[in-house]
């Protein structure tokens, strides 16, 4: 087997896609290897060359003293012998896998492959996708033969956006290759930068499956909490108090209700559902979990509307402030944020909605969802929905929140359950 790459400091590693996953990986490899950081977004590349992370995850210091070239010029990819593809994998409006970026990047890399090169995929896919979709594209674009002229690996990304306590080096890496020697090589390659350790598995399909069920498991556990929240809400029982009590048993696993969005937990289960349906299997539990979690924005909007009507407030005249629009706390990412769905549900009830977020980009929110992001609250509101627990909101005083309400009949909906209910005796307080 002609396995050309060997681990050394002058090794050329190309990272394709410089978002939440690709950028920190590229910078870590660039401590020891010559790295080509490639992205099709010219504006992103320009910012990266200035030491600016467009996702606001990494500081300028993270770019210092690294052996890396940021580029959008495909010609530079000829210099690499290892290609690591980190492009996003989303779902379309029918909730089926959107593989266009994966296919396009595979075609691009295929055009620059030489004999002995290795292509590694980190993008989350369904089991079998790398071999069934990506490898044929690599062969077609390169004119080379898989596992004879070039080789493939899969190492699922595990980075958690916003989690500063777990940098990429501290997260154990799962690694697989198209041949045992490739697996061994990639284990050594990733092991040279990952201090947490390497877990090698027997096949690419196993690695793909391991990744997709990580988030499917979380999705299902949260969907159970969301269903319990709906049940206990009808019974006037505080689910957070219930969970705190249940957690006193040693083998109870703590999960909490909430909006489940983002580009992982809210997406990955649909990849598994797609593949299962293709095989003639209809995964009832996974699909039910997705339905429950996708229904929560409607549940919250309906709950708030009913509360306003109970207080004899007209939906046509009521003003609602939504605080936070990103898919989770302390990040700028709005992709697949269920807060955006919540805003649309509120507007469907003819409510006047203002949206603020100290982390999100107004331009991104507008182009992605057609929603106007206000720079700050304006006037008084009939209801406030604290949707995302950014640090900026955690630091707000009870008085500051209360002062945003129009009167004593004001409503606060605490989606994340982060506020102290006892501090709002004169306000209608509710949490999911």
Protein backbone atom coordinates (compact mmCIF):
# COMPACT_ATOMS: atom_id res chain seq x y z
CA UNK A 1 0.00 0.00 0.00
CA UNK A 2 1.41 3.38 -1.03
CA UNK A 3 0.64 5.49 2.04
CA UNK A 4 2.52 8.69 1.26
CA UNK A 5 1.96 10.86 4.35
CA UNK A 6 4.22 10.56 7.33
CA UNK A 7 4.10 12.61 10.52
CA UNK A 8 6.65 15.41 10.59
CA UNK A 9 6.67 19.15 11.17
CA UNK A 10 6.76 20.02 7.47
CA UNK A 11 3.69 17.87 6.82
CA UNK A 12 1.07 19.79 4.80
CA UNK A 13 -2.41 19.45 6.32
CA UNK A 14 -5.39 21.14 4.63
CA UNK A 15 -8.49 21.94 6.69
CA UNK A 16 -11.55 22.49 4.50
CA UNK A 17 -14.15 24.69 6.20
CA UNK A 18 -13.09 27.15 8.90
CA UNK A 19 -16.14 27.44 11.12
CA UNK A 20 -16.69 26.29 14.70
CA UNK A 21 -15.06 22.93 13.98
CA UNK A 22 -12.43 23.57 11.33
CA UNK A 23 -10.84 26.73 12.74
CA UNK A 24 -9.81 25.47 16.20
CA UNK A 25 -8.64 22.21 14.60
CA UNK A 26 -6.57 24.09 12.03
CA UNK A 27 -4.96 26.31 14.66
CA UNK A 28 -4.12 23.33 16.85
CA UNK A 29 -2.51 21.43 13.97
CA UNK A 30 -0.67 24.63 13.02
CA UNK A 31 1.33 24.44 16.25
CA UNK A 32 3.26 21.48 14.84
CA UNK A 33 2.47 21.20 11.11
CA UNK A 34 2.25 23.34 8.01
CA UNK A 35 -1.48 24.01 7.65
CA UNK A 36 -3.58 25.30 4.77
CA UNK A 37 -6.84 26.68 6.14
CA UNK A 38 -9.32 26.78 3.25
CA UNK A 39 -12.77 28.36 3.14
CA UNK A 40 -14.91 29.47 0.21
CA UNK A 41 -15.99 32.63 2.10
CA UNK A 42 -13.56 35.40 1.09
CA UNK A 43 -14.76 37.70 3.88
CA UNK A 44 -14.14 35.00 6.49
CA UNK A 45 -10.64 34.40 5.13
CA UNK A 46 -9.85 38.12 5.27
CA UNK A 47 -10.90 38.29 8.92
CA UNK A 48 -8.92 35.17 9.79
CA UNK A 49 -5.81 36.68 8.23
CA UNK A 50 -6.31 39.61 10.62
CA UNK A 51 -6.53 37.23 13.58
CA UNK A 52 -10.29 37.67 13.97
CA UNK A 53 -12.62 34.72 14.50
CA UNK A 54 -15.96 35.58 12.81
CA UNK A 55 -17.70 33.18 15.22
CA UNK A 56 -16.29 35.06 18.24
CA UNK A 57 -15.14 31.77 19.79
CA UNK A 58 -11.36 32.31 19.69
CA UNK A 59 -9.26 35.27 20.79
CA UNK A 60 -6.64 37.02 18.67
CA UNK A 61 -3.95 35.31 20.75
CA UNK A 62 -5.09 31.93 19.40
CA UNK A 63 -3.76 32.92 15.97
CA UNK A 64 -0.29 33.90 17.13
CA UNK A 65 2.83 31.98 16.08
CA UNK A 66 1.02 29.35 14.02
CA UNK A 67 2.25 27.72 10.79
CA UNK A 68 -0.94 28.40 8.83
CA UNK A 69 -2.05 29.96 5.57
CA UNK A 70 -5.68 31.06 5.37
CA UNK A 71 -6.95 31.06 1.80
CA UNK A 72 -9.91 30.78 -0.52
CA UNK A 73 -7.64 29.88 -3.44
CA UNK A 74 -8.12 26.18 -4.33
CA UNK A 75 -4.75 26.07 -6.11
CA UNK A 76 -2.96 26.04 -2.74
CA UNK A 77 -4.59 22.71 -1.91
CA UNK A 78 -2.15 21.00 -4.28
CA UNK A 79 0.50 21.30 -1.57
CA UNK A 80 -1.37 19.13 0.94
CA UNK A 81 -1.26 15.37 1.39
CA UNK A 82 -3.82 15.20 4.22
CA UNK A 83 -7.22 16.81 3.77
CA UNK A 84 -9.62 17.20 6.69
CA UNK A 85 -13.16 18.21 5.69
CA UNK A 86 -15.11 20.13 8.35
CA UNK A 87 -18.03 21.61 6.42
CA UNK A 88 -21.54 21.93 7.93
CA UNK A 89 -24.17 19.25 7.38
CA UNK A 90 -27.68 20.62 7.79
CA UNK A 91 -31.21 19.54 6.92
CA UNK A 92 -33.50 20.98 4.27
CA UNK A 93 -37.09 22.21 4.66
CA UNK A 94 -38.29 18.60 4.50
CA UNK A 95 -35.89 17.68 7.34
CA UNK A 96 -33.77 15.44 5.16
CA UNK A 97 -29.95 15.64 4.95
CA UNK A 98 -28.59 18.63 3.08
CA UNK A 99 -25.30 17.28 1.74
CA UNK A 100 -24.48 19.96 -0.82
CA UNK A 101 -21.48 21.43 1.09
CA UNK A 102 -20.16 17.92 1.74
CA UNK A 103 -20.47 16.94 -1.92
CA UNK A 104 -18.93 20.18 -3.14
CA UNK A 105 -15.97 19.95 -0.78
CA UNK A 106 -15.43 16.30 -1.76
CA UNK A 107 -15.35 17.31 -5.42
CA UNK A 108 -12.96 20.16 -4.66
CA UNK A 109 -10.55 17.97 -2.71
CA UNK A 110 -10.79 15.24 -5.35
CA UNK A 111 -9.47 17.69 -7.94
CA UNK A 112 -6.27 18.11 -5.91
CA UNK A 113 -5.63 14.53 -4.75
CA UNK A 114 -2.37 12.76 -5.49
CA UNK A 115 -1.42 9.14 -4.97
CA UNK A 116 -0.95 8.30 -1.30
CA UNK A 117 -3.08 11.19 0.00
CA UNK A 118 -5.60 10.80 2.83
CA UNK A 119 -8.99 12.51 3.11
CA UNK A 120 -10.58 12.69 6.56
CA UNK A 121 -14.20 13.69 7.18
CA UNK A 122 -15.30 15.31 10.45
CA UNK A 123 -18.76 16.47 9.35
CA UNK A 124 -21.65 14.67 11.02
CA UNK A 125 -23.41 12.24 8.66
CA UNK A 126 -25.51 9.08 8.76
CA UNK A 127 -23.69 5.73 8.87
CA UNK A 128 -22.51 4.83 5.38
CA UNK A 129 -22.53 8.36 3.97
CA UNK A 130 -18.75 8.69 3.64
CA UNK A 131 -18.44 5.49 1.62
CA UNK A 132 -21.70 5.77 -0.32
CA UNK A 133 -21.68 9.50 -1.17
CA UNK A 134 -18.27 11.07 -0.61
CA UNK A 135 -15.79 8.46 -1.83
CA UNK A 136 -17.39 8.04 -5.31
CA UNK A 137 -17.11 11.82 -5.74
CA UNK A 138 -13.43 11.73 -4.73
CA UNK A 139 -12.78 8.94 -7.25
CA UNK A 140 -14.64 10.70 -10.04
CA UNK A 141 -12.98 14.07 -9.47
CA UNK A 142 -9.46 12.68 -9.02
CA UNK A 143 -9.43 9.76 -11.44
CA UNK A 144 -7.76 7.78 -8.65
CA UNK A 145 -8.80 4.50 -7.03
CA UNK A 146 -10.04 4.40 -3.44
CA UNK A 147 -7.89 2.37 -1.06
CA UNK A 148 -5.30 1.86 -3.78
CA UNK A 149 -4.28 5.37 -4.80
CA UNK A 150 -5.85 7.41 -1.98
CA UNK A 151 -7.29 6.63 1.45
CA UNK A 152 -10.09 7.91 3.64
CA UNK A 153 -10.75 8.34 7.34
CA UNK A 154 -13.55 9.56 9.54
CA UNK A 155 -13.08 11.31 12.89
CA UNK A 156 -16.29 12.90 14.19
CA UNK A 157 -16.07 16.40 15.58
CA UNK A 158 -16.93 16.81 19.26
CA UNK A 159 -16.39 20.52 19.87
CA UNK A 160 -19.06 22.24 21.97
CA UNK A 161 -19.45 25.92 20.94
CA UNK A 162 -19.24 28.28 23.89
CA UNK A 163 -17.62 25.71 26.18
CA UNK A 164 -14.34 27.35 27.17
CA UNK A 165 -13.62 24.63 29.76
CA UNK A 166 -13.22 21.96 27.06
CA UNK A 167 -10.81 23.04 24.31
CA UNK A 168 -10.33 20.70 21.38
CA UNK A 169 -7.21 19.12 22.87
CA UNK A 170 -9.12 17.99 25.96
CA UNK A 171 -11.83 16.09 24.07
CA UNK A 172 -11.11 12.42 23.35
CA UNK A 173 -11.03 11.76 19.60
CA UNK A 174 -12.67 8.85 17.81
CA UNK A 175 -10.67 7.82 14.73
CA UNK A 176 -11.29 5.36 11.90
CA UNK A 177 -9.64 4.63 8.57
CA UNK A 178 -10.40 2.81 5.35
CA UNK A 179 -7.59 0.34 6.18
CA UNK A 180 -6.01 -0.62 9.51
CA UNK A 181 -2.77 1.11 8.55
CA UNK A 182 -4.74 4.30 7.81
CA UNK A 183 -6.49 4.08 11.18
CA UNK A 184 -3.10 3.70 12.87
CA UNK A 185 -1.64 6.63 10.97
CA UNK A 186 -4.58 8.90 11.75
CA UNK A 187 -4.51 7.83 15.39
CA UNK A 188 -0.91 9.00 15.57
CA UNK A 189 -1.68 12.20 13.66
CA UNK A 190 -4.58 13.26 15.86
CA UNK A 191 -2.78 11.90 18.91
CA UNK A 192 0.03 14.37 18.29
CA UNK A 193 -2.33 17.27 19.14
CA UNK A 194 -5.10 15.71 21.26
CA UNK A 195 -3.99 15.23 24.86
CA UNK A 196 -7.23 13.57 26.01
CA UNK A 197 -6.51 10.39 24.04
CA UNK A 198 -7.58 8.54 20.90
CA UNK A 199 -10.27 5.87 20.49
CA UNK A 200 -9.79 3.91 17.28
CA UNK A 201 -12.72 1.91 15.88
CA UNK A 202 -12.95 -0.87 13.33
CA UNK A 203 -14.69 0.96 10.50
CA UNK A 204 -15.79 4.33 9.17
CA UNK A 205 -19.44 3.31 9.64
CA UNK A 206 -18.88 2.66 13.33
CA UNK A 207 -17.35 6.12 13.79
CA UNK A 208 -20.19 7.75 11.85
CA UNK A 209 -22.77 5.90 13.96
CA UNK A 210 -21.05 6.79 17.22
CA UNK A 211 -21.25 10.48 16.39
CA UNK A 212 -24.85 10.55 15.24
CA UNK A 213 -26.14 8.70 18.32
CA UNK A 214 -24.29 11.02 20.73
CA UNK A 215 -26.64 13.85 19.85
CA UNK A 216 -29.64 11.59 19.26
CA UNK A 217 -29.34 10.37 22.83
CA UNK A 218 -29.29 13.93 24.17
CA UNK A 219 -32.22 14.85 21.95
CA UNK A 220 -34.31 11.98 23.30
CA UNK A 221 -33.47 12.72 26.92
CA UNK A 222 -34.39 16.38 26.52
CA UNK A 223 -37.60 15.46 24.68
CA UNK A 224 -38.63 13.38 27.70
CA UNK A 225 -38.05 16.40 29.95
CA UNK A 226 -40.04 18.61 27.58
CA UNK A 227 -42.95 16.19 27.58
CA UNK A 228 -42.81 15.98 31.36
CA UNK A 229 -42.73 19.78 31.52
CA UNK A 230 -45.95 19.97 29.51
CA UNK A 231 -47.62 17.36 31.73
CA UNK A 232 -46.49 18.92 35.00
CA UNK A 233 -47.39 22.40 33.82
CA UNK A 234 -51.00 21.25 33.45
CA UNK A 235 -50.78 19.82 37.00
CA UNK A 236 -49.25 23.04 38.39
CA UNK A 237 -46.06 21.20 39.41
CA UNK A 238 -42.61 22.81 39.10
CA UNK A 239 -40.61 20.34 37.00
CA UNK A 240 -37.31 21.83 38.16
CA UNK A 241 -38.19 21.04 41.75
CA UNK A 242 -39.21 17.54 40.67
CA UNK A 243 -35.90 17.02 38.86
CA UNK A 244 -33.89 18.31 41.83
CA UNK A 245 -35.66 15.81 44.05
CA UNK A 246 -35.25 12.92 41.59
CA UNK A 247 -31.54 13.72 41.19
CA UNK A 248 -30.93 12.72 44.80
CA UNK A 249 -31.01 9.09 43.63
CA UNK A 250 -27.51 7.98 42.60
CA UNK A 251 -28.48 6.56 39.19
CA UNK A 252 -30.76 9.37 38.02
CA UNK A 253 -29.43 11.27 34.97
CA UNK A 254 -30.16 14.99 35.01
CA UNK A 255 -31.54 16.62 31.89
CA UNK A 256 -33.73 19.72 31.70
CA UNK A 257 -36.50 20.98 29.42
CA UNK A 258 -35.78 23.67 26.88
CA UNK A 259 -35.55 24.79 23.27
CA UNK A 260 -33.52 22.24 21.31
CA UNK A 261 -31.90 23.84 18.29
CA UNK A 262 -28.45 24.39 16.90
CA UNK A 263 -26.57 22.50 14.21
CA UNK A 264 -26.08 19.28 16.21
CA UNK A 265 -28.77 18.04 18.60
CA UNK A 266 -31.63 19.51 16.57
CA UNK A 267 -30.26 18.16 13.27
CA UNK A 268 -28.36 14.90 13.73
CA UNK A 269 -31.34 12.68 14.66
CA UNK A 270 -32.88 13.47 11.27
CA UNK A 271 -29.80 11.93 9.60
CA UNK A 272 -30.39 8.69 11.46
CA UNK A 273 -34.12 8.81 10.71
CA UNK A 274 -33.35 9.33 7.01
CA UNK A 275 -31.04 6.34 6.83
CA UNK A 276 -33.42 4.14 8.82
CA UNK A 277 -36.33 5.03 6.51
CA UNK A 278 -34.14 4.23 3.51
CA UNK A 279 -33.62 0.77 5.00
CA UNK A 280 -37.36 0.32 5.52
CA UNK A 281 -37.22 0.89 9.27
CA UNK A 282 -39.40 3.56 10.86
CA UNK A 283 -37.70 4.72 14.09
CA UNK A 284 -40.67 5.61 16.26
CA UNK A 285 -38.83 6.69 19.41
CA UNK A 286 -36.31 8.95 17.64
CA UNK A 287 -39.03 10.54 15.49
CA UNK A 288 -41.29 11.10 18.50
CA UNK A 289 -38.48 12.85 20.35
CA UNK A 290 -37.95 15.17 17.41
CA UNK A 291 -41.67 15.98 17.19
CA UNK A 292 -41.82 16.88 20.86
CA UNK A 293 -38.76 19.11 20.78
CA UNK A 294 -39.85 20.83 17.59
CA UNK A 295 -43.25 21.57 19.17
CA UNK A 296 -41.91 23.51 22.17
CA UNK A 297 -41.83 26.96 20.47
CA UNK A 298 -45.56 26.60 19.71
CA UNK A 299 -46.26 25.42 23.27
CA UNK A 300 -44.52 28.48 24.76
CA UNK A 301 -46.20 30.95 22.40
CA UNK A 302 -49.62 29.41 23.06
CA UNK A 303 -49.00 29.47 26.82
CA UNK A 304 -48.04 33.15 26.76
CA UNK A 305 -50.99 34.11 24.59
CA UNK A 306 -53.42 32.38 26.94
CA UNK A 307 -51.85 34.18 29.90
CA UNK A 308 -52.22 37.55 28.20
CA UNK A 309 -55.89 36.81 27.49
CA UNK A 310 -56.44 35.77 31.11
CA UNK A 311 -55.14 39.20 32.11
CA UNK A 312 -57.53 40.78 29.59
CA UNK A 313 -54.71 41.98 27.38
CA UNK A 314 -55.31 42.10 23.63
CA UNK A 315 -52.77 40.24 21.54
CA UNK A 316 -53.03 43.01 18.93
CA UNK A 317 -51.90 45.58 21.49
CA UNK A 318 -49.48 43.55 23.61
CA UNK A 319 -45.72 44.05 23.34
CA UNK A 320 -43.35 41.15 23.97
CA UNK A 321 -39.59 41.35 24.48
CA UNK A 322 -37.59 38.23 23.56
CA UNK A 323 -34.17 38.26 25.22
CA UNK A 324 -31.68 36.08 23.39
CA UNK A 325 -31.92 34.57 19.91
CA UNK A 326 -28.85 32.34 19.55
CA UNK A 327 -29.24 28.56 19.74
CA UNK A 328 -27.52 28.42 23.15
CA UNK A 329 -25.95 30.67 25.75
CA UNK A 330 -22.75 32.65 25.22
CA UNK A 331 -22.38 31.98 21.49
CA UNK A 332 -23.13 34.07 18.42
CA UNK A 333 -24.49 31.19 16.33
CA UNK A 334 -28.15 31.46 15.32
CA UNK A 335 -28.30 28.46 12.98
CA UNK A 336 -31.42 26.38 13.63
CA UNK A 337 -32.13 28.38 16.78
CA UNK A 338 -35.59 27.49 18.06
CA UNK A 339 -35.91 31.01 19.44
CA UNK A 340 -36.37 32.10 15.84
CA UNK A 341 -39.27 29.66 15.57
CA UNK A 342 -40.65 31.01 18.84
CA UNK A 343 -40.58 34.57 17.48
CA UNK A 344 -42.51 33.48 14.40
CA UNK A 345 -45.07 31.67 16.57
CA UNK A 346 -45.55 34.81 18.68
CA UNK A 347 -46.04 36.94 15.58
CA UNK A 348 -48.63 34.44 14.32
CA UNK A 349 -50.69 35.40 17.38
CA UNK A 350 -50.47 39.06 16.24
CA UNK A 351 -48.18 40.04 19.11
CA UNK A 352 -45.74 42.93 18.73
CA UNK A 353 -42.32 41.36 19.26
CA UNK A 354 -38.94 42.97 19.89
CA UNK A 355 -35.85 40.76 19.89
CA UNK A 356 -32.52 41.61 21.53
CA UNK A 357 -29.29 39.65 21.90
CA UNK A 358 -25.84 40.91 22.98
CA UNK A 359 -24.04 38.12 21.09
CA UNK A 360 -25.86 37.72 17.78
CA UNK A 361 -25.22 39.71 14.62
CA UNK A 362 -28.17 41.79 13.46
CA UNK A 363 -27.13 41.21 9.84
CA UNK A 364 -27.02 37.44 10.36
CA UNK A 365 -30.42 37.36 12.06
CA UNK A 366 -31.94 39.42 9.25
CA UNK A 367 -30.45 37.41 6.38
CA UNK A 368 -31.00 34.01 8.02
CA UNK A 369 -34.51 34.50 9.43
CA UNK A 370 -35.82 37.83 8.19
CA UNK A 371 -36.13 39.05 11.78
CA UNK A 372 -35.02 42.50 12.91
CA UNK A 373 -32.71 42.44 15.92
CA UNK A 374 -33.04 45.51 18.13
CA UNK A 375 -29.94 46.99 19.75
CA UNK A 376 -31.75 47.37 23.08
CA UNK A 377 -35.26 47.21 24.61
CA UNK A 378 -37.53 50.09 23.65
CA UNK A 379 -40.17 51.26 26.09
CA UNK A 380 -42.23 48.99 28.30
CA UNK A 381 -43.49 45.46 27.58
CA UNK A 382 -46.48 43.37 28.57
CA UNK A 383 -44.30 40.27 28.63
CA UNK A 384 -40.63 39.34 28.64
CA UNK A 385 -39.34 35.99 27.43
CA UNK A 386 -35.87 35.22 28.76
CA UNK A 387 -35.00 32.71 26.04
CA UNK A 388 -31.21 32.32 26.28
CA UNK A 389 -29.12 32.41 29.45
CA UNK A 390 -26.27 34.61 28.23
CA UNK A 391 -23.92 35.79 30.97
CA UNK A 392 -25.14 39.33 30.32
CA UNK A 393 -28.66 38.31 31.30
CA UNK A 394 -27.54 36.32 34.32
CA UNK A 395 -25.90 39.53 35.58
CA UNK A 396 -29.12 41.55 35.29
CA UNK A 397 -30.87 42.43 38.51
CA UNK A 398 -34.47 41.57 39.26
CA UNK A 399 -35.24 45.28 39.33
CA UNK A 400 -33.75 45.82 35.87
CA UNK A 401 -35.98 43.13 34.41
CA UNK A 402 -39.07 44.32 36.27
CA UNK A 403 -38.53 47.88 35.06
CA UNK A 404 -38.98 46.68 31.50
CA UNK A 405 -42.55 45.59 32.22
CA UNK A 406 -45.46 47.87 31.54
CA UNK A 407 -47.32 47.35 34.83
CA UNK A 408 -47.92 44.98 37.74
CA UNK A 409 -49.73 42.67 35.35
CA UNK A 410 -46.50 42.13 33.47
CA UNK A 411 -45.38 38.60 32.60
CA UNK A 412 -41.94 36.99 32.70
CA UNK A 413 -41.39 33.68 30.93
CA UNK A 414 -38.11 32.14 32.06
CA UNK A 415 -37.41 29.46 29.44
CA UNK A 416 -34.11 28.36 30.99
CA UNK A 417 -35.36 28.43 34.57
CA UNK A 418 -32.47 30.64 35.71
CA UNK A 419 -34.35 33.26 37.75
CA UNK A 420 -35.42 33.14 41.37
CA UNK A 421 -39.20 32.92 41.34
CA UNK A 422 -39.46 34.35 44.86
CA UNK A 423 -38.09 37.66 43.61
CA UNK A 424 -41.14 38.18 41.38
CA UNK A 425 -44.03 38.11 43.85
CA UNK A 426 -45.83 40.98 42.14
CA UNK A 427 -45.22 39.74 38.61
CA UNK A 428 -46.71 36.81 36.71
CA UNK A 429 -43.72 34.47 36.50
CA UNK A 430 -43.58 31.18 34.58
CA UNK A 431 -40.76 28.87 33.62
CA UNK A 432 -40.58 25.88 31.28
